[in-house]
Amino acid sequence: MSQSRPADGPAHPPRQEEPGAVRENDRFADVRLGLGAVLLRMVRAPVTVAWPVVGLPVALGALTVLLVTGLSLPRLLRLTRPDGLRTE
């Protein structure tokens, strides 16, 4: 004899997300942010930005770009010297 689940509910409860957690593959976050700002302006509420939340990922991204560029630049310069170029 098999037990069946109720027809009105899901097989598993929905996953609980932490408050403020960013979902993976969230492509429309900037659209939602813009629409939220427009709606706040419409009701004349102040638009505030949590700069530490915005600034940390931006700073980490810029640091990553600078680090990778700095690490690859010596090899690039060595490979583009006249004796490092190969012709076929």
PDB file of N, CA and C in Angstrom:
ATOM      1  N   MET A   1       0.843  -1.160   0.000  1.00  0.00           N
ATOM      2  CA  MET A   1       0.000   0.000   0.000  1.00  0.00           C
ATOM      3  C   MET A   1       0.900   1.237   0.000  1.00  0.00           C
ATOM      4  N   SER A   2       0.674   2.131  -0.919  1.00  0.00           N
ATOM      5  CA  SER A   2       1.500   3.326  -1.013  1.00  0.00           C
ATOM      6  C   SER A   2       0.754   4.519  -0.435  1.00  0.00           C
ATOM      7  N   GLN A   3       1.533   5.407   0.145  1.00  0.00           N
ATOM      8  CA  GLN A   3       0.939   6.627   0.691  1.00  0.00           C
ATOM      9  C   GLN A   3       1.034   7.710  -0.366  1.00  0.00           C
ATOM     10  N   SER A   4       0.008   8.502  -0.497  1.00  0.00           N
ATOM     11  CA  SER A   4       0.030   9.578  -1.477  1.00  0.00           C
ATOM     12  C   SER A   4       0.073  10.914  -0.740  1.00  0.00           C
ATOM     13  N   ARG A   5       0.634  11.883  -1.409  1.00  0.00           N
ATOM     14  CA  ARG A   5       0.709  13.213  -0.809  1.00  0.00           C
ATOM     15  C   ARG A   5      -0.579  13.965  -1.112  1.00  0.00           C
ATOM     16  N   PRO A   6      -0.873  14.964  -0.306  1.00  0.00           N
ATOM     17  CA  PRO A   6      -2.091  15.731  -0.590  1.00  0.00           C
ATOM     18  C   PRO A   6      -1.982  16.463  -1.922  1.00  0.00           C
ATOM     19  N   ALA A   7      -3.097  16.604  -2.610  1.00  0.00           N
ATOM     20  CA  ALA A   7      -3.096  17.212  -3.938  1.00  0.00           C
ATOM     21  C   ALA A   7      -2.880  18.717  -3.889  1.00  0.00           C
ATOM     22  N   ASP A   8      -3.099  19.337  -2.724  1.00  0.00           N
ATOM     23  CA  ASP A   8      -3.007  20.786  -2.673  1.00  0.00           C
ATOM     24  C   ASP A   8      -1.612  21.301  -2.326  1.00  0.00           C
ATOM     25  N   GLY A   9      -0.671  20.461  -1.992  1.00  0.00           N
ATOM     26  CA  GLY A   9       0.639  20.945  -1.576  1.00  0.00           C
ATOM     27  C   GLY A   9       1.763  20.330  -2.386  1.00  0.00           C
ATOM     28  N   PRO A  10       2.940  20.945  -2.360  1.00  0.00           N
ATOM     29  CA  PRO A  10       4.082  20.394  -3.092  1.00  0.00           C
ATOM     30  C   PRO A  10       4.646  19.166  -2.382  1.00  0.00           C
ATOM     31  N   ALA A  11       5.431  18.398  -3.127  1.00  0.00           N
ATOM     32  CA  ALA A  11       6.028  17.199  -2.551  1.00  0.00           C
ATOM     33  C   ALA A  11       7.043  17.575  -1.483  1.00  0.00           C
ATOM     34  N   HIS A  12       7.744  18.683  -1.686  1.00  0.00           N
ATOM     35  CA  HIS A  12       8.735  19.156  -0.726  1.00  0.00           C
ATOM     36  C   HIS A  12       8.416  20.596  -0.380  1.00  0.00           C
ATOM     37  N   PRO A  13       8.648  20.984   0.860  1.00  0.00           N
ATOM     38  CA  PRO A  13       8.399  22.389   1.195  1.00  0.00           C
ATOM     39  C   PRO A  13       9.381  23.284   0.450  1.00  0.00           C
ATOM     40  N   PRO A  14       8.976  24.515   0.150  1.00  0.00           N
ATOM     41  CA  PRO A  14       9.889  25.406  -0.566  1.00  0.00           C
ATOM     42  C   PRO A  14      11.132  25.694   0.269  1.00  0.00           C
ATOM     43  N   ARG A  15      12.253  25.870  -0.433  1.00  0.00           N
ATOM     44  CA  ARG A  15      13.513  26.121   0.237  1.00  0.00           C
ATOM     45  C   ARG A  15      13.505  27.524   0.836  1.00  0.00           C
ATOM     46  N   GLN A  16      13.904  27.627   2.086  1.00  0.00           N
ATOM     47  CA  GLN A  16      13.965  28.915   2.762  1.00  0.00           C
ATOM     48  C   GLN A  16      15.274  29.598   2.417  1.00  0.00           C
ATOM     49  N   GLU A  17      15.212  30.839   1.967  1.00  0.00           N
ATOM     50  CA  GLU A  17      16.403  31.605   1.641  1.00  0.00           C
ATOM     51  C   GLU A  17      16.688  32.576   2.769  1.00  0.00           C
ATOM     52  N   GLU A  18      17.966  32.846   2.964  1.00  0.00           N
ATOM     53  CA  GLU A  18      18.349  33.824   3.968  1.00  0.00           C
ATOM     54  C   GLU A  18      17.930  35.211   3.493  1.00  0.00           C
ATOM     55  N   PRO A  19      17.578  36.087   4.422  1.00  0.00           N
ATOM     56  CA  PRO A  19      17.247  37.454   4.007  1.00  0.00           C
ATOM     57  C   PRO A  19      18.463  38.123   3.377  1.00  0.00           C
ATOM     58  N   GLY A  20      18.263  38.747   2.241  1.00  0.00           N
ATOM     59  CA  GLY A  20      19.349  39.436   1.555  1.00  0.00           C
ATOM     60  C   GLY A  20      20.215  38.524   0.706  1.00  0.00           C
ATOM     61  N   ALA A  21      19.890  37.229   0.643  1.00  0.00           N
ATOM     62  CA  ALA A  21      20.696  36.310  -0.150  1.00  0.00           C
ATOM     63  C   ALA A  21      20.444  36.553  -1.637  1.00  0.00           C
ATOM     64  N   VAL A  22      21.493  36.499  -2.422  1.00  0.00           N
ATOM     65  CA  VAL A  22      21.382  36.704  -3.862  1.00  0.00           C
ATOM     66  C   VAL A  22      21.230  35.343  -4.529  1.00  0.00           C
ATOM     67  N   ARG A  23      20.231  35.230  -5.367  1.00  0.00           N
ATOM     68  CA  ARG A  23      20.011  33.979  -6.077  1.00  0.00           C
ATOM     69  C   ARG A  23      20.998  33.834  -7.220  1.00  0.00           C
ATOM     70  N   GLU A  24      21.362  32.594  -7.520  1.00  0.00           N
ATOM     71  CA  GLU A  24      22.252  32.347  -8.646  1.00  0.00           C
ATOM     72  C   GLU A  24      21.518  32.670  -9.951  1.00  0.00           C
ATOM     73  N   ASN A  25      22.279  33.121 -10.930  1.00  0.00           N
ATOM     74  CA  ASN A  25      21.743  33.467 -12.255  1.00  0.00           C
ATOM     75  C   ASN A  25      20.641  34.516 -12.160  1.00  0.00           C
ATOM     76  N   ASP A  26      20.843  35.499 -11.307  1.00  0.00           N
ATOM     77  CA  ASP A  26      19.855  36.556 -11.140  1.00  0.00           C
ATOM     78  C   ASP A  26      20.151  37.658 -12.150  1.00  0.00           C
ATOM     79  N   ARG A  27      19.614  37.511 -13.361  1.00  0.00           N
ATOM     80  CA  ARG A  27      19.935  38.416 -14.459  1.00  0.00           C
ATOM     81  C   ARG A  27      19.165  39.721 -14.392  1.00  0.00           C
ATOM     82  N   PHE A  28      18.072  39.754 -13.665  1.00  0.00           N
ATOM     83  CA  PHE A  28      17.209  40.927 -13.696  1.00  0.00           C
ATOM     84  C   PHE A  28      17.267  41.740 -12.409  1.00  0.00           C
ATOM     85  N   ALA A  29      18.338  41.581 -11.640  1.00  0.00           N
ATOM     86  CA  ALA A  29      18.462  42.320 -10.388  1.00  0.00           C
ATOM     87  C   ALA A  29      18.531  43.820 -10.647  1.00  0.00           C
ATOM     88  N   ASP A  30      19.240  44.235 -11.699  1.00  0.00           N
ATOM     89  CA  ASP A  30      19.350  45.667 -11.977  1.00  0.00           C
ATOM     90  C   ASP A  30      18.019  46.249 -12.437  1.00  0.00           C
ATOM     91  N   VAL A  31      17.217  45.459 -13.139  1.00  0.00           N
ATOM     92  CA  VAL A  31      15.899  45.934 -13.572  1.00  0.00           C
ATOM     93  C   VAL A  31      15.016  46.135 -12.350  1.00  0.00           C
ATOM     94  N   ARG A  32      15.043  45.179 -11.431  1.00  0.00           N
ATOM     95  CA  ARG A  32      14.238  45.307 -10.218  1.00  0.00           C
ATOM     96  C   ARG A  32      14.701  46.490  -9.379  1.00  0.00           C
ATOM     97  N   LEU A  33      15.999  46.708  -9.315  1.00  0.00           N
ATOM     98  CA  LEU A  33      16.524  47.848  -8.562  1.00  0.00           C
ATOM     99  C   LEU A  33      16.045  49.154  -9.173  1.00  0.00           C
ATOM    100  N   GLY A  34      16.078  49.253 -10.489  1.00  0.00           N
ATOM    101  CA  GLY A  34      15.611  50.465 -11.165  1.00  0.00           C
ATOM    102  C   GLY A  34      14.121  50.691 -10.978  1.00  0.00           C
ATOM    103  N   LEU A  35      13.336  49.630 -11.119  1.00  0.00           N
ATOM    104  CA  LEU A  35      11.891  49.770 -10.922  1.00  0.00           C
ATOM    105  C   LEU A  35      11.560  50.140  -9.488  1.00  0.00           C
ATOM    106  N   GLY A  36      12.312  49.573  -8.545  1.00  0.00           N
ATOM    107  CA  GLY A  36      12.100  49.923  -7.140  1.00  0.00           C
ATOM    108  C   GLY A  36      12.402  51.385  -6.883  1.00  0.00           C
ATOM    109  N   ALA A  37      13.470  51.893  -7.493  1.00  0.00           N
ATOM    110  CA  ALA A  37      13.809  53.311  -7.334  1.00  0.00           C
ATOM    111  C   ALA A  37      12.725  54.199  -7.935  1.00  0.00           C
ATOM    112  N   VAL A  38      12.201  53.811  -9.097  1.00  0.00           N
ATOM    113  CA  VAL A  38      11.128  54.595  -9.728  1.00  0.00           C
ATOM    114  C   VAL A  38       9.890  54.600  -8.845  1.00  0.00           C
ATOM    115  N   LEU A  39       9.524  53.454  -8.300  1.00  0.00           N
ATOM    116  CA  LEU A  39       8.346  53.395  -7.438  1.00  0.00           C
ATOM    117  C   LEU A  39       8.546  54.213  -6.164  1.00  0.00           C
ATOM    118  N   LEU A  40       9.736  54.176  -5.587  1.00  0.00           N
ATOM    119  CA  LEU A  40       9.991  54.980  -4.397  1.00  0.00           C
ATOM    120  C   LEU A  40       9.910  56.470  -4.713  1.00  0.00           C
ATOM    121  N   ARG A  41      10.371  56.869  -5.882  1.00  0.00           N
ATOM    122  CA  ARG A  41      10.271  58.278  -6.272  1.00  0.00           C
ATOM    123  C   ARG A  41       8.806  58.681  -6.489  1.00  0.00           C
ATOM    124  N   MET A  42       8.010  57.748  -7.016  1.00  0.00           N
ATOM    125  CA  MET A  42       6.604  58.060  -7.261  1.00  0.00           C
ATOM    126  C   MET A  42       5.858  58.347  -5.962  1.00  0.00           C
ATOM    127  N   VAL A  43       6.200  57.649  -4.902  1.00  0.00           N
ATOM    128  CA  VAL A  43       5.528  57.865  -3.620  1.00  0.00           C
ATOM    129  C   VAL A  43       6.314  58.830  -2.737  1.00  0.00           C
ATOM    130  N   ARG A  44       7.323  59.460  -3.333  1.00  0.00           N
ATOM    131  CA  ARG A  44       8.164  60.453  -2.667  1.00  0.00           C
ATOM    132  C   ARG A  44       8.839  59.899  -1.410  1.00  0.00           C
ATOM    133  N   ALA A  45       9.246  58.670  -1.476  1.00  0.00           N
ATOM    134  CA  ALA A  45      10.023  58.055  -0.393  1.00  0.00           C
ATOM    135  C   ALA A  45      11.500  58.169  -0.754  1.00  0.00           C
ATOM    136  N   PRO A  46      12.361  58.261   0.240  1.00  0.00           N
ATOM    137  CA  PRO A  46      13.789  58.401  -0.072  1.00  0.00           C
ATOM    138  C   PRO A  46      14.356  57.110  -0.670  1.00  0.00           C
ATOM    139  N   VAL A  47      15.185  57.280  -1.677  1.00  0.00           N
ATOM    140  CA  VAL A  47      15.872  56.149  -2.290  1.00  0.00           C
ATOM    141  C   VAL A  47      17.238  56.049  -1.626  1.00  0.00           C
ATOM    142  N   THR A  48      17.457  54.993  -0.901  1.00  0.00           N
ATOM    143  CA  THR A  48      18.737  54.807  -0.213  1.00  0.00           C
ATOM    144  C   THR A  48      19.448  53.595  -0.790  1.00  0.00           C
ATOM    145  N   VAL A  49      20.759  53.675  -0.799  1.00  0.00           N
ATOM    146  CA  VAL A  49      21.579  52.582  -1.308  1.00  0.00           C
ATOM    147  C   VAL A  49      22.504  52.137  -0.193  1.00  0.00           C
ATOM    148  N   ALA A  50      22.575  50.847   0.052  1.00  0.00           N
ATOM    149  CA  ALA A  50      23.493  50.295   1.043  1.00  0.00           C
ATOM    150  C   ALA A  50      24.861  50.182   0.377  1.00  0.00           C
ATOM    151  N   TRP A  51      25.678  51.233   0.495  1.00  0.00           N
ATOM    152  CA  TRP A  51      26.944  51.287  -0.212  1.00  0.00           C
ATOM    153  C   TRP A  51      27.904  50.170   0.155  1.00  0.00           C
ATOM    154  N   PRO A  52      27.978  49.715   1.400  1.00  0.00           N
ATOM    155  CA  PRO A  52      28.868  48.567   1.659  1.00  0.00           C
ATOM    156  C   PRO A  52      28.446  47.311   0.890  1.00  0.00           C
ATOM    157  N   VAL A  53      27.143  47.126   0.738  1.00  0.00           N
ATOM    158  CA  VAL A  53      26.640  45.957   0.006  1.00  0.00           C
ATOM    159  C   VAL A  53      26.958  46.081  -1.478  1.00  0.00           C
ATOM    160  N   VAL A  54      26.887  47.287  -2.016  1.00  0.00           N
ATOM    161  CA  VAL A  54      27.183  47.512  -3.431  1.00  0.00           C
ATOM    162  C   VAL A  54      28.690  47.595  -3.655  1.00  0.00           C
ATOM    163  N   GLY A  55      29.378  48.290  -2.751  1.00  0.00           N
ATOM    164  CA  GLY A  55      30.794  48.566  -2.941  1.00  0.00           C
ATOM    165  C   GLY A  55      31.697  47.363  -2.817  1.00  0.00           C
ATOM    166  N   LEU A  56      31.374  46.438  -1.935  1.00  0.00           N
ATOM    167  CA  LEU A  56      32.238  45.270  -1.737  1.00  0.00           C
ATOM    168  C   LEU A  56      32.364  44.414  -2.999  1.00  0.00           C
ATOM    169  N   PRO A  57      31.274  44.007  -3.650  1.00  0.00           N
ATOM    170  CA  PRO A  57      31.442  43.228  -4.890  1.00  0.00           C
ATOM    171  C   PRO A  57      32.128  44.011  -6.002  1.00  0.00           C
ATOM    172  N   VAL A  58      31.847  45.313  -6.099  1.00  0.00           N
ATOM    173  CA  VAL A  58      32.503  46.129  -7.128  1.00  0.00           C
ATOM    174  C   VAL A  58      34.000  46.194  -6.860  1.00  0.00           C
ATOM    175  N   ALA A  59      34.377  46.412  -5.604  1.00  0.00           N
ATOM    176  CA  ALA A  59      35.796  46.478  -5.252  1.00  0.00           C
ATOM    177  C   ALA A  59      36.486  45.143  -5.482  1.00  0.00           C
ATOM    178  N   LEU A  60      35.829  44.040  -5.139  1.00  0.00           N
ATOM    179  CA  LEU A  60      36.422  42.719  -5.372  1.00  0.00           C
ATOM    180  C   LEU A  60      36.585  42.437  -6.864  1.00  0.00           C
ATOM    181  N   GLY A  61      35.622  42.844  -7.668  1.00  0.00           N
ATOM    182  CA  GLY A  61      35.736  42.664  -9.114  1.00  0.00           C
ATOM    183  C   GLY A  61      36.871  43.476  -9.696  1.00  0.00           C
ATOM    184  N   ALA A  62      36.998  44.740  -9.261  1.00  0.00           N
ATOM    185  CA  ALA A  62      38.089  45.586  -9.752  1.00  0.00           C
ATOM    186  C   ALA A  62      39.438  45.042  -9.304  1.00  0.00           C
ATOM    187  N   LEU A  63      39.512  44.568  -8.069  1.00  0.00           N
ATOM    188  CA  LEU A  63      40.757  43.991  -7.567  1.00  0.00           C
ATOM    189  C   LEU A  63      41.145  42.742  -8.356  1.00  0.00           C
ATOM    190  N   THR A  64      40.155  41.924  -8.707  1.00  0.00           N
ATOM    191  CA  THR A  64      40.419  40.723  -9.495  1.00  0.00           C
ATOM    192  C   THR A  64      40.956  41.088 -10.879  1.00  0.00           C
ATOM    193  N   VAL A  65      40.343  42.085 -11.514  1.00  0.00           N
ATOM    194  CA  VAL A  65      40.811  42.522 -12.838  1.00  0.00           C
ATOM    195  C   VAL A  65      42.242  43.027 -12.757  1.00  0.00           C
ATOM    196  N   LEU A  66      42.547  43.858 -11.764  1.00  0.00           N
ATOM    197  CA  LEU A  66      43.897  44.390 -11.616  1.00  0.00           C
ATOM    198  C   LEU A  66      44.906  43.283 -11.311  1.00  0.00           C
ATOM    199  N   LEU A  67      44.520  42.333 -10.473  1.00  0.00           N
ATOM    200  CA  LEU A  67      45.418  41.235 -10.120  1.00  0.00           C
ATOM    201  C   LEU A  67      45.731  40.359 -11.336  1.00  0.00           C
ATOM    202  N   VAL A  68      44.715  39.983 -12.095  1.00  0.00           N
ATOM    203  CA  VAL A  68      44.937  39.139 -13.271  1.00  0.00           C
ATOM    204  C   VAL A  68      45.745  39.892 -14.329  1.00  0.00           C
ATOM    205  N   THR A  69      45.444  41.171 -14.513  1.00  0.00           N
ATOM    206  CA  THR A  69      46.205  41.971 -15.477  1.00  0.00           C
ATOM    207  C   THR A  69      47.662  42.077 -15.053  1.00  0.00           C
ATOM    208  N   GLY A  70      47.881  42.358 -13.778  1.00  0.00           N
ATOM    209  CA  GLY A  70      49.248  42.477 -13.285  1.00  0.00           C
ATOM    210  C   GLY A  70      50.033  41.187 -13.387  1.00  0.00           C
ATOM    211  N   LEU A  71      49.374  40.062 -13.138  1.00  0.00           N
ATOM    212  CA  LEU A  71      50.061  38.773 -13.217  1.00  0.00           C
ATOM    213  C   LEU A  71      50.333  38.342 -14.653  1.00  0.00           C
ATOM    214  N   SER A  72      49.475  38.733 -15.599  1.00  0.00           N
ATOM    215  CA  SER A  72      49.660  38.297 -16.982  1.00  0.00           C
ATOM    216  C   SER A  72      50.497  39.272 -17.808  1.00  0.00           C
ATOM    217  N   LEU A  73      50.685  40.485 -17.330  1.00  0.00           N
ATOM    218  CA  LEU A  73      51.419  41.480 -18.103  1.00  0.00           C
ATOM    219  C   LEU A  73      52.877  41.106 -18.378  1.00  0.00           C
ATOM    220  N   PRO A  74      53.635  40.582 -17.410  1.00  0.00           N
ATOM    221  CA  PRO A  74      55.017  40.202 -17.736  1.00  0.00           C
ATOM    222  C   PRO A  74      55.112  39.142 -18.836  1.00  0.00           C
ATOM    223  N   ARG A  75      54.234  38.170 -18.787  1.00  0.00           N
ATOM    224  CA  ARG A  75      54.252  37.134 -19.833  1.00  0.00           C
ATOM    225  C   ARG A  75      53.881  37.726 -21.189  1.00  0.00           C
ATOM    226  N   LEU A  76      52.901  38.616 -21.204  1.00  0.00           N
ATOM    227  CA  LEU A  76      52.496  39.255 -22.452  1.00  0.00           C
ATOM    228  C   LEU A  76      53.639  40.078 -23.041  1.00  0.00           C
ATOM    229  N   LEU A  77      54.322  40.837 -22.199  1.00  0.00           N
ATOM    230  CA  LEU A  77      55.444  41.631 -22.692  1.00  0.00           C
ATOM    231  C   LEU A  77      56.567  40.746 -23.221  1.00  0.00           C
ATOM    232  N   ARG A  78      56.825  39.628 -22.534  1.00  0.00           N
ATOM    233  CA  ARG A  78      57.871  38.712 -22.988  1.00  0.00           C
ATOM    234  C   ARG A  78      57.498  38.063 -24.319  1.00  0.00           C
ATOM    235  N   LEU A  79      56.253  37.698 -24.488  1.00  0.00           N
ATOM    236  CA  LEU A  79      55.821  37.035 -25.718  1.00  0.00           C
ATOM    237  C   LEU A  79      55.735  37.985 -26.904  1.00  0.00           C
ATOM    238  N   THR A  80      55.589  39.267 -26.660  1.00  0.00           N
ATOM    239  CA  THR A  80      55.460  40.199 -27.783  1.00  0.00           C
ATOM    240  C   THR A  80      56.771  40.878 -28.148  1.00  0.00           C
ATOM    241  N   ARG A  81      57.869  40.504 -27.522  1.00  0.00           N
ATOM    242  CA  ARG A  81      59.174  41.018 -27.962  1.00  0.00           C
ATOM    243  C   ARG A  81      59.479  40.439 -29.336  1.00  0.00           C
ATOM    244  N   PRO A  82      60.337  41.077 -30.093  1.00  0.00           N
ATOM    245  CA  PRO A  82      60.631  40.568 -31.440  1.00  0.00           C
ATOM    246  C   PRO A  82      61.136  39.127 -31.442  1.00  0.00           C
ATOM    247  N   ASP A  83      61.947  38.729 -30.466  1.00  0.00           N
ATOM    248  CA  ASP A  83      62.428  37.354 -30.451  1.00  0.00           C
ATOM    249  C   ASP A  83      61.373  36.373 -29.944  1.00  0.00           C
ATOM    250  N   GLY A  84      60.311  36.872 -29.320  1.00  0.00           N
ATOM    251  CA  GLY A  84      59.254  35.988 -28.831  1.00  0.00           C
ATOM    252  C   GLY A  84      58.156  35.748 -29.837  1.00  0.00           C
ATOM    253  N   LEU A  85      58.119  36.559 -30.897  1.00  0.00           N
ATOM    254  CA  LEU A  85      57.085  36.389 -31.923  1.00  0.00           C
ATOM    255  C   LEU A  85      57.513  35.291 -32.886  1.00  0.00           C
ATOM    256  N   ARG A  86      56.572  34.485 -33.261  1.00  0.00           N
ATOM    257  CA  ARG A  86      56.857  33.402 -34.223  1.00  0.00           C
ATOM    258  C   ARG A  86      56.142  33.678 -35.521  1.00  0.00           C
ATOM    259  N   THR A  87      56.777  33.358 -36.604  1.00  0.00           N
ATOM    260  CA  THR A  87      56.129  33.498 -37.914  1.00  0.00           C
ATOM    261  C   THR A  87      56.040  32.130 -38.555  1.00  0.00           C
ATOM    262  N   GLU A  88      55.083  31.974 -39.383  1.00  0.00           N
ATOM    263  CA  GLU A  88      54.932  30.683 -40.074  1.00  0.00           C
ATOM    264  C   GLU A  88      55.175  30.837 -41.535  1.00  0.00           C
TER     265      GLU A  88
END
